[in-house]
């Protein structure tokens, strides 16, 4: 499964939250979005191997 990965500076959290809300509003399921500031998304533990390999 492909995911949308949103990584951002903590100062940009408001913008990232707006973007996540937009993606959900246009029909992208929440479970297909990984935003580093969303609750439960511990970047150090939950980034998939695929993303780690591509960064």
PDB file of N, CA and C in Angstrom:
ATOM      1  N   UNK A   1       0.845  -1.174   0.000  1.00  0.00           N
ATOM      2  CA  UNK A   1       0.000   0.000   0.000  1.00  0.00           C
ATOM      3  C   UNK A   1       0.891   1.238   0.000  1.00  0.00           C
ATOM      4  N   UNK A   2       0.580   2.194  -0.843  1.00  0.00           N
ATOM      5  CA  UNK A   2       1.287   3.466  -0.884  1.00  0.00           C
ATOM      6  C   UNK A   2       0.677   4.401   0.145  1.00  0.00           C
ATOM      7  N   UNK A   3       1.490   5.228   0.735  1.00  0.00           N
ATOM      8  CA  UNK A   3       1.016   6.226   1.694  1.00  0.00           C
ATOM      9  C   UNK A   3       1.517   7.596   1.274  1.00  0.00           C
ATOM     10  N   UNK A   4       0.776   8.605   1.684  1.00  0.00           N
ATOM     11  CA  UNK A   4       1.229   9.968   1.521  1.00  0.00           C
ATOM     12  C   UNK A   4       2.014  10.306   2.779  1.00  0.00           C
ATOM     13  N   UNK A   5       3.254  10.714   2.606  1.00  0.00           N
ATOM     14  CA  UNK A   5       4.139  11.002   3.728  1.00  0.00           C
ATOM     15  C   UNK A   5       4.325  12.508   3.826  1.00  0.00           C
ATOM     16  N   UNK A   6       3.937  13.082   4.959  1.00  0.00           N
ATOM     17  CA  UNK A   6       4.072  14.514   5.194  1.00  0.00           C
ATOM     18  C   UNK A   6       5.005  14.708   6.378  1.00  0.00           C
ATOM     19  N   UNK A   7       6.172  15.242   6.098  1.00  0.00           N
ATOM     20  CA  UNK A   7       7.122  15.547   7.156  1.00  0.00           C
ATOM     21  C   UNK A   7       7.310  17.055   7.156  1.00  0.00           C
ATOM     22  N   UNK A   8       7.335  17.629   8.342  1.00  0.00           N
ATOM     23  CA  UNK A   8       7.401  19.086   8.414  1.00  0.00           C
ATOM     24  C   UNK A   8       8.063  19.531   9.701  1.00  0.00           C
ATOM     25  N   UNK A   9       8.451  20.778   9.718  1.00  0.00           N
ATOM     26  CA  UNK A   9       9.011  21.411  10.896  1.00  0.00           C
ATOM     27  C   UNK A   9       7.877  21.656  11.889  1.00  0.00           C
ATOM     28  N   UNK A  10       8.158  21.595  13.171  1.00  0.00           N
ATOM     29  CA  UNK A  10       7.106  21.810  14.169  1.00  0.00           C
ATOM     30  C   UNK A  10       6.458  23.184  14.030  1.00  0.00           C
ATOM     31  N   UNK A  11       7.189  24.148  13.514  1.00  0.00           N
ATOM     32  CA  UNK A  11       6.624  25.484  13.307  1.00  0.00           C
ATOM     33  C   UNK A  11       5.541  25.485  12.223  1.00  0.00           C
ATOM     34  N   UNK A  12       5.522  24.468  11.388  1.00  0.00           N
ATOM     35  CA  UNK A  12       4.550  24.383  10.297  1.00  0.00           C
ATOM     36  C   UNK A  12       3.401  23.427  10.596  1.00  0.00           C
ATOM     37  N   UNK A  13       3.221  23.056  11.855  1.00  0.00           N
ATOM     38  CA  UNK A  13       2.190  22.092  12.218  1.00  0.00           C
ATOM     39  C   UNK A  13       0.802  22.537  11.770  1.00  0.00           C
ATOM     40  N   UNK A  14       0.482  23.807  11.915  1.00  0.00           N
ATOM     41  CA  UNK A  14      -0.845  24.305  11.526  1.00  0.00           C
ATOM     42  C   UNK A  14      -1.066  24.092  10.030  1.00  0.00           C
ATOM     43  N   UNK A  15      -0.068  24.392   9.234  1.00  0.00           N
ATOM     44  CA  UNK A  15      -0.179  24.205   7.780  1.00  0.00           C
ATOM     45  C   UNK A  15      -0.325  22.721   7.451  1.00  0.00           C
ATOM     46  N   UNK A  16       0.461  21.886   8.106  1.00  0.00           N
ATOM     47  CA  UNK A  16       0.376  20.439   7.870  1.00  0.00           C
ATOM     48  C   UNK A  16      -1.003  19.914   8.246  1.00  0.00           C
ATOM     49  N   UNK A  17      -1.556  20.379   9.358  1.00  0.00           N
ATOM     50  CA  UNK A  17      -2.898  19.943   9.774  1.00  0.00           C
ATOM     51  C   UNK A  17      -3.952  20.349   8.746  1.00  0.00           C
ATOM     52  N   UNK A  18      -3.837  21.556   8.212  1.00  0.00           N
ATOM     53  CA  UNK A  18      -4.781  22.012   7.179  1.00  0.00           C
ATOM     54  C   UNK A  18      -4.653  21.129   5.938  1.00  0.00           C
ATOM     55  N   UNK A  19      -3.428  20.798   5.566  1.00  0.00           N
ATOM     56  CA  UNK A  19      -3.203  19.957   4.393  1.00  0.00           C
ATOM     57  C   UNK A  19      -3.790  18.561   4.599  1.00  0.00           C
ATOM     58  N   UNK A  20      -3.595  17.991   5.779  1.00  0.00           N
ATOM     59  CA  UNK A  20      -4.169  16.674   6.081  1.00  0.00           C
ATOM     60  C   UNK A  20      -5.695  16.737   6.000  1.00  0.00           C
ATOM     61  N   UNK A  21      -6.298  17.763   6.570  1.00  0.00           N
ATOM     62  CA  UNK A  21      -7.755  17.922   6.499  1.00  0.00           C
ATOM     63  C   UNK A  21      -8.223  18.009   5.051  1.00  0.00           C
ATOM     64  N   UNK A  22      -7.462  18.725   4.220  1.00  0.00           N
ATOM     65  CA  UNK A  22      -7.799  18.839   2.804  1.00  0.00           C
ATOM     66  C   UNK A  22      -7.752  17.475   2.122  1.00  0.00           C
ATOM     67  N   UNK A  23      -6.690  16.729   2.362  1.00  0.00           N
ATOM     68  CA  UNK A  23      -6.559  15.412   1.730  1.00  0.00           C
ATOM     69  C   UNK A  23      -7.718  14.492   2.116  1.00  0.00           C
ATOM     70  N   UNK A  24      -8.084  14.528   3.375  1.00  0.00           N
ATOM     71  CA  UNK A  24      -9.215  13.714   3.832  1.00  0.00           C
ATOM     72  C   UNK A  24     -10.508  14.185   3.172  1.00  0.00           C
ATOM     73  N   UNK A  25     -10.690  15.497   3.050  1.00  0.00           N
ATOM     74  CA  UNK A  25     -11.904  16.056   2.438  1.00  0.00           C
ATOM     75  C   UNK A  25     -12.045  15.662   0.969  1.00  0.00           C
ATOM     76  N   UNK A  26     -10.923  15.468   0.277  1.00  0.00           N
ATOM     77  CA  UNK A  26     -11.001  15.084  -1.142  1.00  0.00           C
ATOM     78  C   UNK A  26     -11.042  13.566  -1.330  1.00  0.00           C
ATOM     79  N   UNK A  27     -11.133  12.838  -0.217  1.00  0.00           N
ATOM     80  CA  UNK A  27     -11.382  11.408  -0.322  1.00  0.00           C
ATOM     81  C   UNK A  27     -10.228  10.480  -0.046  1.00  0.00           C
ATOM     82  N   UNK A  28      -9.113  11.002   0.389  1.00  0.00           N
ATOM     83  CA  UNK A  28      -7.994  10.124   0.718  1.00  0.00           C
ATOM     84  C   UNK A  28      -8.197   9.607   2.141  1.00  0.00           C
ATOM     85  N   UNK A  29      -8.236   8.293   2.314  1.00  0.00           N
ATOM     86  CA  UNK A  29      -8.463   7.736   3.649  1.00  0.00           C
ATOM     87  C   UNK A  29      -7.357   8.133   4.631  1.00  0.00           C
ATOM     88  N   UNK A  30      -7.744   8.412   5.846  1.00  0.00           N
ATOM     89  CA  UNK A  30      -6.811   8.831   6.893  1.00  0.00           C
ATOM     90  C   UNK A  30      -5.680   7.825   7.079  1.00  0.00           C
ATOM     91  N   UNK A  31      -5.979   6.546   6.928  1.00  0.00           N
ATOM     92  CA  UNK A  31      -4.941   5.533   7.146  1.00  0.00           C
ATOM     93  C   UNK A  31      -3.919   5.480   6.006  1.00  0.00           C
ATOM     94  N   UNK A  32      -4.130   6.254   4.948  1.00  0.00           N
ATOM     95  CA  UNK A  32      -3.151   6.335   3.861  1.00  0.00           C
ATOM     96  C   UNK A  32      -2.298   7.599   3.956  1.00  0.00           C
ATOM     97  N   UNK A  33      -2.462   8.343   5.044  1.00  0.00           N
ATOM     98  CA  UNK A  33      -1.704   9.569   5.253  1.00  0.00           C
ATOM     99  C   UNK A  33      -0.823   9.396   6.484  1.00  0.00           C
ATOM    100  N   UNK A  34       0.452   9.625   6.317  1.00  0.00           N
ATOM    101  CA  UNK A  34       1.375   9.621   7.461  1.00  0.00           C
ATOM    102  C   UNK A  34       1.905  11.029   7.599  1.00  0.00           C
ATOM    103  N   UNK A  35       1.461  11.717   8.626  1.00  0.00           N
ATOM    104  CA  UNK A  35       1.941  13.069   8.913  1.00  0.00           C
ATOM    105  C   UNK A  35       2.696  13.001  10.228  1.00  0.00           C
ATOM    106  N   UNK A  36       3.912  13.476  10.213  1.00  0.00           N
ATOM    107  CA  UNK A  36       4.785  13.299  11.373  1.00  0.00           C
ATOM    108  C   UNK A  36       4.250  13.886  12.669  1.00  0.00           C
ATOM    109  N   UNK A  37       3.333  14.838  12.601  1.00  0.00           N
ATOM    110  CA  UNK A  37       2.843  15.442  13.844  1.00  0.00           C
ATOM    111  C   UNK A  37       1.520  14.872  14.340  1.00  0.00           C
ATOM    112  N   UNK A  38       0.909  13.980  13.585  1.00  0.00           N
ATOM    113  CA  UNK A  38      -0.365  13.420  14.030  1.00  0.00           C
ATOM    114  C   UNK A  38      -0.145  12.445  15.176  1.00  0.00           C
ATOM    115  N   UNK A  39      -1.069  12.416  16.119  1.00  0.00           N
ATOM    116  CA  UNK A  39      -0.934  11.485  17.252  1.00  0.00           C
ATOM    117  C   UNK A  39      -0.744  10.044  16.778  1.00  0.00           C
ATOM    118  N   UNK A  40       0.171   9.350  17.413  1.00  0.00           N
ATOM    119  CA  UNK A  40       0.422   7.958  17.082  1.00  0.00           C
ATOM    120  C   UNK A  40       1.456   7.756  15.992  1.00  0.00           C
ATOM    121  N   UNK A  41       1.894   8.831  15.368  1.00  0.00           N
ATOM    122  CA  UNK A  41       2.884   8.713  14.298  1.00  0.00           C
ATOM    123  C   UNK A  41       4.272   9.053  14.819  1.00  0.00           C
ATOM    124  N   UNK A  42       4.806   8.158  15.604  1.00  0.00           N
ATOM    125  CA  UNK A  42       6.159   8.344  16.099  1.00  0.00           C
ATOM    126  C   UNK A  42       7.113   8.106  14.934  1.00  0.00           C
ATOM    127  N   UNK A  43       7.693   9.176  14.441  1.00  0.00           N
ATOM    128  CA  UNK A  43       8.515   9.099  13.237  1.00  0.00           C
ATOM    129  C   UNK A  43       9.649   8.105  13.391  1.00  0.00           C
ATOM    130  N   UNK A  44      10.265   8.077  14.538  1.00  0.00           N
ATOM    131  CA  UNK A  44      11.398   7.168  14.719  1.00  0.00           C
ATOM    132  C   UNK A  44      10.981   5.702  14.716  1.00  0.00           C
ATOM    133  N   UNK A  45       9.742   5.399  15.074  1.00  0.00           N
ATOM    134  CA  UNK A  45       9.303   4.009  15.157  1.00  0.00           C
ATOM    135  C   UNK A  45       8.394   3.586  14.013  1.00  0.00           C
ATOM    136  N   UNK A  46       7.630   4.505  13.443  1.00  0.00           N
ATOM    137  CA  UNK A  46       6.573   4.109  12.514  1.00  0.00           C
ATOM    138  C   UNK A  46       6.824   4.401  11.044  1.00  0.00           C
ATOM    139  N   UNK A  47       7.979   4.902  10.692  1.00  0.00           N
ATOM    140  CA  UNK A  47       8.265   5.112   9.276  1.00  0.00           C
ATOM    141  C   UNK A  47       8.576   3.753   8.663  1.00  0.00           C
ATOM    142  N   UNK A  48       7.911   3.470   7.558  1.00  0.00           N
ATOM    143  CA  UNK A  48       8.118   2.173   6.926  1.00  0.00           C
ATOM    144  C   UNK A  48       9.519   2.071   6.339  1.00  0.00           C
ATOM    145  N   UNK A  49       9.968   0.864   6.137  1.00  0.00           N
ATOM    146  CA  UNK A  49      11.287   0.632   5.547  1.00  0.00           C
ATOM    147  C   UNK A  49      11.365   1.260   4.160  1.00  0.00           C
ATOM    148  N   UNK A  50      10.272   1.232   3.418  1.00  0.00           N
ATOM    149  CA  UNK A  50      10.264   1.807   2.073  1.00  0.00           C
ATOM    150  C   UNK A  50      10.592   3.299   2.125  1.00  0.00           C
ATOM    151  N   UNK A  51      10.002   4.014   3.070  1.00  0.00           N
ATOM    152  CA  UNK A  51      10.264   5.453   3.175  1.00  0.00           C
ATOM    153  C   UNK A  51      11.701   5.683   3.629  1.00  0.00           C
ATOM    154  N   UNK A  52      12.162   4.932   4.589  1.00  0.00           N
ATOM    155  CA  UNK A  52      13.544   5.084   5.062  1.00  0.00           C
ATOM    156  C   UNK A  52      14.529   4.885   3.932  1.00  0.00           C
ATOM    157  N   UNK A  53      14.266   3.922   3.064  1.00  0.00           N
ATOM    158  CA  UNK A  53      15.175   3.627   1.967  1.00  0.00           C
ATOM    159  C   UNK A  53      15.185   4.723   0.914  1.00  0.00           C
ATOM    160  N   UNK A  54      14.071   5.464   0.786  1.00  0.00           N
ATOM    161  CA  UNK A  54      13.977   6.471  -0.258  1.00  0.00           C
ATOM    162  C   UNK A  54      14.400   7.867   0.192  1.00  0.00           C
ATOM    163  N   UNK A  55      14.598   8.046   1.489  1.00  0.00           N
ATOM    164  CA  UNK A  55      14.960   9.381   1.986  1.00  0.00           C
ATOM    165  C   UNK A  55      16.444   9.586   1.891  1.00  0.00           C
TER     166      UNK A  55
END
